[in-house]
């Protein structure tokens, strides 16, 4: 999903445009978002910049364990199914060890 994609959407009181790029050398996903929110009869614009660092599942697990967490599960984001090689976003369930 990263790398030169632009998409947007419109609802009754909000419109948005997301533009993203991927920095393969630093393994960073960069998303620049522009929103237009309707307040009364006026539209107000605001911009956001999101920078996401990519890690493989083994590195995430190792870093959590080093930080005294136990990994309870890795799932495809928004699903309770194990990630596959094609999964683009993973949710991690972790618990701090006592």
N, C-alpha and C. Protein backbone atom coordinates (compact mmCIF):
# COMPACT_ATOMS: atom_id res chain seq x y z
N UNK A 1 0.81 -1.21 0.00
CA UNK A 1 0.00 0.00 0.00
C UNK A 1 0.85 1.26 0.00
N UNK A 2 2.15 1.12 0.19
CA UNK A 2 3.02 2.29 0.24
C UNK A 2 3.70 2.50 -1.10
N UNK A 3 3.98 3.73 -1.38
CA UNK A 3 4.80 4.03 -2.53
C UNK A 3 4.06 4.65 -3.68
N UNK A 4 3.81 5.94 -3.61
CA UNK A 4 3.23 6.65 -4.74
C UNK A 4 1.73 6.56 -4.88
N UNK A 5 1.03 6.14 -3.86
CA UNK A 5 -0.42 6.06 -3.94
C UNK A 5 -1.06 7.35 -3.46
N UNK A 6 -2.14 7.72 -4.12
CA UNK A 6 -2.95 8.87 -3.72
C UNK A 6 -4.39 8.41 -3.73
N UNK A 7 -5.11 8.68 -2.66
CA UNK A 7 -6.53 8.37 -2.65
C UNK A 7 -7.24 9.32 -1.72
N UNK A 8 -8.53 9.39 -1.86
CA UNK A 8 -9.31 10.33 -1.06
C UNK A 8 -10.73 9.87 -0.92
N UNK A 9 -11.49 10.67 -0.22
CA UNK A 9 -12.89 10.35 0.00
C UNK A 9 -13.65 11.57 0.46
N UNK A 10 -14.96 11.45 0.38
CA UNK A 10 -15.84 12.56 0.77
C UNK A 10 -17.02 12.00 1.53
N UNK A 11 -17.34 12.64 2.65
CA UNK A 11 -18.58 12.38 3.40
C UNK A 11 -19.31 13.71 3.49
N UNK A 12 -20.43 13.74 4.21
CA UNK A 12 -21.20 14.98 4.29
C UNK A 12 -20.41 16.15 4.87
N UNK A 13 -19.60 15.89 5.89
CA UNK A 13 -18.93 16.99 6.58
C UNK A 13 -17.41 16.86 6.63
N UNK A 14 -16.85 15.96 5.84
CA UNK A 14 -15.39 15.82 5.80
C UNK A 14 -14.96 15.29 4.43
N UNK A 15 -13.83 15.77 3.97
CA UNK A 15 -13.20 15.26 2.74
C UNK A 15 -11.72 15.11 3.04
N UNK A 16 -11.07 14.15 2.39
CA UNK A 16 -9.66 13.90 2.68
C UNK A 16 -8.93 13.43 1.44
N UNK A 17 -7.64 13.71 1.44
CA UNK A 17 -6.72 13.24 0.41
C UNK A 17 -5.50 12.68 1.13
N UNK A 18 -5.13 11.46 0.82
CA UNK A 18 -3.94 10.83 1.40
C UNK A 18 -2.94 10.58 0.28
N UNK A 19 -1.72 11.03 0.49
CA UNK A 19 -0.64 10.79 -0.46
C UNK A 19 0.47 10.08 0.29
N UNK A 20 0.98 9.00 -0.26
CA UNK A 20 2.04 8.32 0.48
C UNK A 20 3.21 7.96 -0.42
N UNK A 21 4.32 7.74 0.27
CA UNK A 21 5.54 7.32 -0.41
C UNK A 21 6.26 6.34 0.51
N UNK A 22 7.20 5.63 -0.06
CA UNK A 22 7.96 4.65 0.71
C UNK A 22 9.43 4.90 0.51
N UNK A 23 10.15 5.05 1.62
CA UNK A 23 11.60 5.21 1.59
C UNK A 23 12.21 3.84 1.90
N UNK A 24 12.59 3.12 0.86
CA UNK A 24 13.08 1.74 1.02
C UNK A 24 14.39 1.68 1.79
N UNK A 25 15.23 2.67 1.64
CA UNK A 25 16.52 2.66 2.34
C UNK A 25 16.33 2.72 3.85
N UNK A 26 15.43 3.59 4.31
CA UNK A 26 15.19 3.73 5.75
C UNK A 26 13.99 2.91 6.23
N UNK A 27 13.32 2.23 5.31
CA UNK A 27 12.12 1.44 5.59
C UNK A 27 11.09 2.31 6.32
N UNK A 28 10.75 3.44 5.68
CA UNK A 28 9.78 4.37 6.24
C UNK A 28 8.62 4.56 5.28
N UNK A 29 7.42 4.49 5.80
CA UNK A 29 6.23 4.87 5.06
C UNK A 29 5.86 6.28 5.46
N UNK A 30 5.68 7.15 4.49
CA UNK A 30 5.39 8.56 4.76
C UNK A 30 4.03 8.88 4.15
N UNK A 31 3.10 9.30 4.99
CA UNK A 31 1.75 9.62 4.54
C UNK A 31 1.47 11.09 4.84
N UNK A 32 1.14 11.82 3.80
CA UNK A 32 0.75 13.23 3.95
C UNK A 32 -0.75 13.30 3.70
N UNK A 33 -1.47 13.77 4.71
CA UNK A 33 -2.93 13.80 4.64
C UNK A 33 -3.43 15.23 4.69
N UNK A 34 -4.41 15.52 3.86
CA UNK A 34 -5.08 16.81 3.89
C UNK A 34 -6.56 16.55 4.13
N UNK A 35 -7.11 17.25 5.12
CA UNK A 35 -8.52 17.09 5.47
C UNK A 35 -9.23 18.42 5.33
N UNK A 36 -10.49 18.34 4.94
CA UNK A 36 -11.37 19.50 4.91
C UNK A 36 -12.59 19.12 5.75
N UNK A 37 -12.82 19.89 6.81
CA UNK A 37 -13.92 19.60 7.73
C UNK A 37 -14.91 20.76 7.68
N UNK A 38 -16.18 20.42 7.52
CA UNK A 38 -17.22 21.43 7.46
C UNK A 38 -17.65 21.82 8.87
N UNK A 39 -17.61 23.12 9.13
CA UNK A 39 -18.10 23.67 10.40
C UNK A 39 -19.08 24.78 10.06
N UNK A 40 -20.35 24.48 10.26
CA UNK A 40 -21.37 25.45 9.85
C UNK A 40 -21.42 25.52 8.34
N UNK A 41 -21.20 26.71 7.82
CA UNK A 41 -21.21 26.87 6.36
C UNK A 41 -19.80 26.97 5.77
N UNK A 42 -18.78 26.85 6.63
CA UNK A 42 -17.39 26.98 6.18
C UNK A 42 -16.68 25.64 6.21
N UNK A 43 -15.69 25.53 5.36
CA UNK A 43 -14.81 24.36 5.35
C UNK A 43 -13.46 24.79 5.89
N UNK A 44 -12.89 23.97 6.77
CA UNK A 44 -11.59 24.25 7.37
C UNK A 44 -10.62 23.15 6.97
N UNK A 45 -9.44 23.57 6.58
CA UNK A 45 -8.41 22.62 6.14
C UNK A 45 -7.39 22.39 7.26
N UNK A 46 -6.95 21.14 7.39
CA UNK A 46 -5.78 20.85 8.21
C UNK A 46 -5.01 19.73 7.56
N UNK A 47 -3.71 19.73 7.81
CA UNK A 47 -2.80 18.77 7.21
C UNK A 47 -2.12 17.95 8.30
N UNK A 48 -1.83 16.71 7.99
CA UNK A 48 -1.11 15.83 8.91
C UNK A 48 0.02 15.14 8.16
N UNK A 49 1.06 14.84 8.90
CA UNK A 49 2.18 14.07 8.39
C UNK A 49 2.38 12.88 9.31
N UNK A 50 2.32 11.68 8.75
CA UNK A 50 2.53 10.45 9.52
C UNK A 50 3.73 9.73 8.92
N UNK A 51 4.67 9.38 9.78
CA UNK A 51 5.84 8.62 9.35
C UNK A 51 5.85 7.32 10.13
N UNK A 52 5.81 6.21 9.41
CA UNK A 52 5.76 4.89 10.04
C UNK A 52 7.02 4.11 9.69
N UNK A 53 7.60 3.51 10.69
CA UNK A 53 8.81 2.70 10.52
C UNK A 53 8.38 1.25 10.38
N UNK A 54 8.94 0.56 9.42
CA UNK A 54 8.60 -0.84 9.21
C UNK A 54 9.59 -1.77 9.89
N UNK A 55 9.07 -2.79 10.55
CA UNK A 55 9.89 -3.83 11.18
C UNK A 55 9.31 -5.18 10.80
N UNK A 56 10.16 -6.17 10.66
CA UNK A 56 9.64 -7.51 10.43
C UNK A 56 9.16 -8.08 11.77
N UNK A 57 8.34 -9.13 11.69
CA UNK A 57 7.72 -9.69 12.89
C UNK A 57 8.74 -10.21 13.90
N UNK A 58 9.83 -10.78 13.42
CA UNK A 58 10.86 -11.28 14.35
C UNK A 58 11.50 -10.13 15.13
N UNK A 59 11.75 -9.02 14.47
CA UNK A 59 12.34 -7.88 15.16
C UNK A 59 11.38 -7.30 16.18
N UNK A 60 10.11 -7.17 15.82
CA UNK A 60 9.11 -6.67 16.77
C UNK A 60 9.06 -7.56 18.00
N UNK A 61 9.01 -8.86 17.79
CA UNK A 61 8.96 -9.81 18.91
C UNK A 61 10.21 -9.68 19.78
N UNK A 62 11.38 -9.61 19.16
CA UNK A 62 12.63 -9.48 19.93
C UNK A 62 12.66 -8.19 20.74
N UNK A 63 12.29 -7.07 20.13
CA UNK A 63 12.31 -5.79 20.83
C UNK A 63 11.33 -5.78 22.00
N UNK A 64 10.17 -6.36 21.82
CA UNK A 64 9.21 -6.43 22.93
C UNK A 64 9.74 -7.28 24.07
N UNK A 65 10.33 -8.41 23.74
CA UNK A 65 10.89 -9.27 24.79
C UNK A 65 12.02 -8.57 25.53
N UNK A 66 12.86 -7.85 24.80
CA UNK A 66 13.94 -7.09 25.44
C UNK A 66 13.39 -6.00 26.36
N UNK A 67 12.19 -5.51 26.07
CA UNK A 67 11.55 -4.47 26.89
C UNK A 67 10.67 -5.08 27.98
N UNK A 68 10.82 -6.38 28.23
CA UNK A 68 10.11 -7.09 29.29
C UNK A 68 8.62 -7.31 29.00
N UNK A 69 8.30 -7.54 27.74
CA UNK A 69 6.94 -7.90 27.35
C UNK A 69 6.93 -9.33 26.83
N UNK A 70 5.83 -10.01 27.03
CA UNK A 70 5.63 -11.30 26.38
C UNK A 70 4.66 -11.08 25.22
N UNK A 71 4.94 -11.69 24.11
CA UNK A 71 4.09 -11.54 22.92
C UNK A 71 3.01 -12.60 22.98
N UNK A 72 1.76 -12.15 23.04
CA UNK A 72 0.62 -13.06 23.15
C UNK A 72 0.09 -13.47 21.79
N UNK A 73 0.35 -12.66 20.78
CA UNK A 73 -0.10 -13.01 19.43
C UNK A 73 0.23 -11.95 18.41
N UNK A 74 0.34 -12.38 17.17
CA UNK A 74 0.50 -11.50 16.01
C UNK A 74 -0.67 -11.79 15.09
N UNK A 75 -1.33 -10.73 14.63
CA UNK A 75 -2.53 -10.89 13.82
C UNK A 75 -2.50 -9.94 12.63
N UNK A 76 -3.18 -10.34 11.56
CA UNK A 76 -3.40 -9.40 10.47
C UNK A 76 -4.24 -8.27 11.03
N UNK A 77 -3.87 -7.07 10.73
CA UNK A 77 -4.57 -5.91 11.29
C UNK A 77 -6.06 -5.97 10.94
N UNK A 78 -6.88 -5.74 11.95
CA UNK A 78 -8.35 -5.73 11.86
C UNK A 78 -8.95 -7.12 11.68
N UNK A 79 -8.15 -8.16 11.85
CA UNK A 79 -8.63 -9.55 11.77
C UNK A 79 -7.95 -10.34 12.88
N UNK A 80 -8.56 -11.40 13.29
CA UNK A 80 -7.91 -12.28 14.28
C UNK A 80 -7.39 -13.52 13.58
N UNK A 81 -6.64 -13.29 12.51
CA UNK A 81 -6.02 -14.39 11.77
C UNK A 81 -4.52 -14.16 11.73
N UNK A 82 -3.75 -15.23 11.69
CA UNK A 82 -2.29 -15.06 11.64
C UNK A 82 -1.87 -14.30 10.39
N UNK A 83 -0.81 -13.52 10.48
CA UNK A 83 -0.32 -12.81 9.30
C UNK A 83 0.26 -13.79 8.29
N UNK A 84 0.20 -13.40 7.04
CA UNK A 84 0.82 -14.18 5.96
C UNK A 84 1.98 -13.35 5.39
N UNK A 85 2.68 -13.90 4.44
CA UNK A 85 3.78 -13.16 3.82
C UNK A 85 3.28 -11.92 3.08
N UNK A 86 2.01 -11.91 2.73
CA UNK A 86 1.45 -10.77 1.99
C UNK A 86 0.78 -9.74 2.89
N UNK A 87 0.76 -9.99 4.20
CA UNK A 87 0.13 -9.07 5.14
C UNK A 87 0.93 -7.76 5.17
N UNK A 88 0.23 -6.64 5.03
CA UNK A 88 0.91 -5.34 4.99
C UNK A 88 0.93 -4.63 6.34
N UNK A 89 0.09 -5.05 7.26
CA UNK A 89 0.04 -4.42 8.59
C UNK A 89 -0.30 -5.48 9.61
N UNK A 90 0.49 -5.52 10.69
CA UNK A 90 0.32 -6.53 11.73
C UNK A 90 -0.02 -5.85 13.05
N UNK A 91 -0.98 -6.40 13.77
CA UNK A 91 -1.28 -5.96 15.14
C UNK A 91 -0.64 -6.96 16.09
N UNK A 92 -0.03 -6.44 17.14
CA UNK A 92 0.66 -7.28 18.11
C UNK A 92 -0.06 -7.16 19.45
N UNK A 93 -0.34 -8.30 20.05
CA UNK A 93 -0.88 -8.33 21.41
C UNK A 93 0.28 -8.71 22.32
N UNK A 94 0.62 -7.80 23.23
CA UNK A 94 1.75 -8.03 24.13
C UNK A 94 1.33 -7.67 25.55
N UNK A 95 1.98 -8.31 26.50
CA UNK A 95 1.67 -8.07 27.91
C UNK A 95 2.98 -7.88 28.67
N UNK A 96 2.99 -6.86 29.51
CA UNK A 96 4.19 -6.60 30.31
C UNK A 96 4.36 -7.69 31.34
N UNK A 97 5.58 -8.21 31.41
CA UNK A 97 5.88 -9.25 32.40
C UNK A 97 6.00 -8.61 33.78
N UNK A 98 5.64 -9.36 34.79
CA UNK A 98 5.73 -8.86 36.18
C UNK A 98 7.01 -9.27 36.82
